[in-house]
Protein backbone atom coordinates (compact mmCIF):
# COMPACT_ATOMS: atom_id res chain seq x y z
CA MET A 1 112.30 84.81 106.42
CA ILE A 2 109.79 87.71 105.48
CA ALA A 3 112.74 89.99 106.06
CA GLU A 4 114.83 88.41 103.85
CA ILE A 5 112.06 88.43 101.66
CA VAL A 6 111.36 92.38 101.82
CA ILE A 7 115.01 92.91 101.66
CA SER A 8 115.75 91.24 98.26
CA ALA A 9 112.35 92.86 96.98
CA LEU A 10 113.56 95.84 97.35
CA LEU A 11 116.95 94.91 96.32
CA VAL A 12 115.39 93.85 92.82
CA LEU A 13 112.93 97.01 92.63
CA GLY A 14 116.05 98.73 93.24
CA GLY A 15 118.05 97.10 90.28
CA LEU A 16 114.72 97.73 87.96
CA PHE A 17 114.84 101.15 88.70
CA GLY A 18 117.98 101.84 88.36
CA LEU A 19 118.21 99.91 85.09
CA VAL A 20 115.31 101.88 83.51
CA GLY A 21 116.64 105.03 84.62
CA SER A 22 120.11 103.84 82.89
CA PHE A 23 118.04 102.87 79.78
CA GLY A 24 116.35 106.10 79.59
CA LEU A 25 119.71 108.32 80.13
CA LEU A 26 121.41 106.48 77.45
CA LYS A 27 117.98 105.94 74.81
CA LEU A 28 115.88 109.09 74.73
CA ASN A 29 116.89 111.33 72.20
CA ASP A 30 116.12 114.45 73.53
CA PRO A 31 118.04 116.47 76.56
CA MET A 32 114.57 116.99 78.23
CA LYS A 33 113.52 113.88 77.96
CA ARG A 34 116.34 112.34 79.23
CA LEU A 35 115.09 114.52 82.73
CA HIS A 36 113.21 111.64 83.85
CA GLY A 37 115.96 108.98 83.53
CA PRO A 38 118.86 110.18 86.34
CA THR A 39 116.48 112.20 88.45
CA LYS A 40 113.37 110.31 88.51
CA ALA A 41 114.29 106.33 88.43
CA THR A 42 117.40 106.22 89.42
CA THR A 43 116.92 108.12 92.29
CA VAL A 44 113.95 105.97 93.28
CA GLY A 45 115.83 102.94 92.67
CA VAL A 46 119.51 103.78 95.21
CA GLY A 47 116.45 105.03 97.63
CA ALA A 48 115.02 101.28 97.72
CA THR A 49 118.35 99.70 97.61
CA LEU A 50 119.38 101.82 100.43
CA VAL A 51 116.62 101.19 102.39
CA ALA A 52 117.11 97.46 101.99
CA SER A 53 120.93 97.88 103.17
CA VAL A 54 119.15 99.56 106.26
CA LEU A 55 116.78 97.20 107.20
CA TYR A 56 119.45 93.87 106.75
CA PHE A 57 121.74 95.52 108.97
CA LYS A 58 118.94 96.51 111.32
CA LEU A 59 117.35 92.74 111.31
CA VAL A 60 119.76 90.40 110.77
CA GLN A 61 122.68 91.99 111.77
CA GLY A 62 121.66 94.09 115.18
CA LEU A 63 123.07 97.19 113.71
CA VAL A 64 122.21 100.82 113.04
CA THR A 65 124.00 102.31 110.44
CA TRP A 66 124.05 105.88 109.14
CA GLN A 67 126.20 105.52 106.11
CA GLU A 68 122.86 104.69 104.42
CA LEU A 69 121.55 108.08 105.35
CA LEU A 70 124.48 109.96 104.18
CA ILE A 71 123.95 108.86 100.47
CA VAL A 72 120.51 109.80 101.01
CA VAL A 73 121.15 112.96 101.63
CA PHE A 74 124.05 113.39 99.05
CA LEU A 75 120.97 111.97 96.36
CA PHE A 76 118.53 114.13 96.96
CA ILE A 77 121.30 117.34 96.64
CA THR A 78 123.07 116.14 93.88
CA SER A 79 119.66 114.70 91.77
CA PRO A 80 118.18 118.39 91.38
CA VAL A 81 121.74 119.34 90.03
CA THR A 82 121.69 116.71 87.35
CA ALA A 83 118.63 118.03 85.91
CA LEU A 84 119.52 121.71 86.69
CA PHE A 85 122.68 120.68 83.81
CA LEU A 86 120.28 118.59 81.50
CA ALA A 87 117.66 121.25 81.03
CA LYS A 88 120.45 123.98 80.68
CA ALA A 89 122.27 121.50 78.09
CA HIS A 90 119.34 122.00 76.22
CA LEU A 91 118.73 125.44 76.50
CA HIS A 92 121.69 126.24 75.19
CA ARG A 93 121.91 123.83 72.40
CA ASN A 94 118.53 123.55 71.49
CA MET A 95 116.81 127.43 71.74
CA LYS A 96 117.45 130.39 70.96
CA PRO A 97 116.30 132.96 73.64
CA SER A 98 113.82 134.42 71.03
CA ASP A 99 111.85 131.21 71.42
CA LEU A 100 111.97 130.98 75.17
CA PRO A 101 108.36 132.58 76.35
CA PRO A 102 108.57 136.00 78.62
CA THR A 103 110.12 135.38 81.73
CA GLY A 104 107.22 138.48 82.84
CA THR A 105 109.81 140.55 84.10
CA ALA A 106 112.17 143.19 82.78
CA ARG A 107 115.30 140.27 82.67
CA GLY A 108 115.41 137.68 80.56
CA TRP A 109 116.36 134.69 80.95
CA ALA A 110 119.79 134.10 82.64
CA THR A 111 120.98 131.45 80.79
CA PHE A 112 121.41 133.86 77.51
CA ASP A 113 122.17 137.08 79.51
CA GLY A 114 124.63 139.25 77.69
CA ASP A 115 128.24 140.03 78.72
CA PRO A 116 129.51 138.05 81.10
CA GLY A 117 131.99 141.09 82.18
CA ASP A 118 128.79 142.78 82.35
CA ARG A 119 127.82 142.67 86.24
CA ASP A 120 125.28 145.65 86.21
CA ALA A 121 123.22 143.43 83.93
CA ARG A 122 123.56 140.53 85.95
CA HIS A 123 123.20 141.08 89.07
CA LEU A 124 119.85 143.38 88.62
């Protein structure tokens, strides 16, 4: 009985976080504000759902499953990539190189480096 309550609570929690993250991705008006929807809330939502799945199979079915762990690894690898793409989209659409703070090095921002054919400028 306690296992069923914990599993159900984790599923509801996961669903709520997923809903909030998806809503934030759709409704927030600025790409930088949209970073938190898919990277934070949805990651926690999917994580709670996966923990519920692991607990169900272990406590109710008596099985150990590895698929959930693979999903968690994939999620934690792809979530930062999603954040990077959203941040790059914001930079390309809304910023000019002159709007950005100095990098503190001789190089500028890599996002706005000059001619793509100029290998020396990209690899300094």
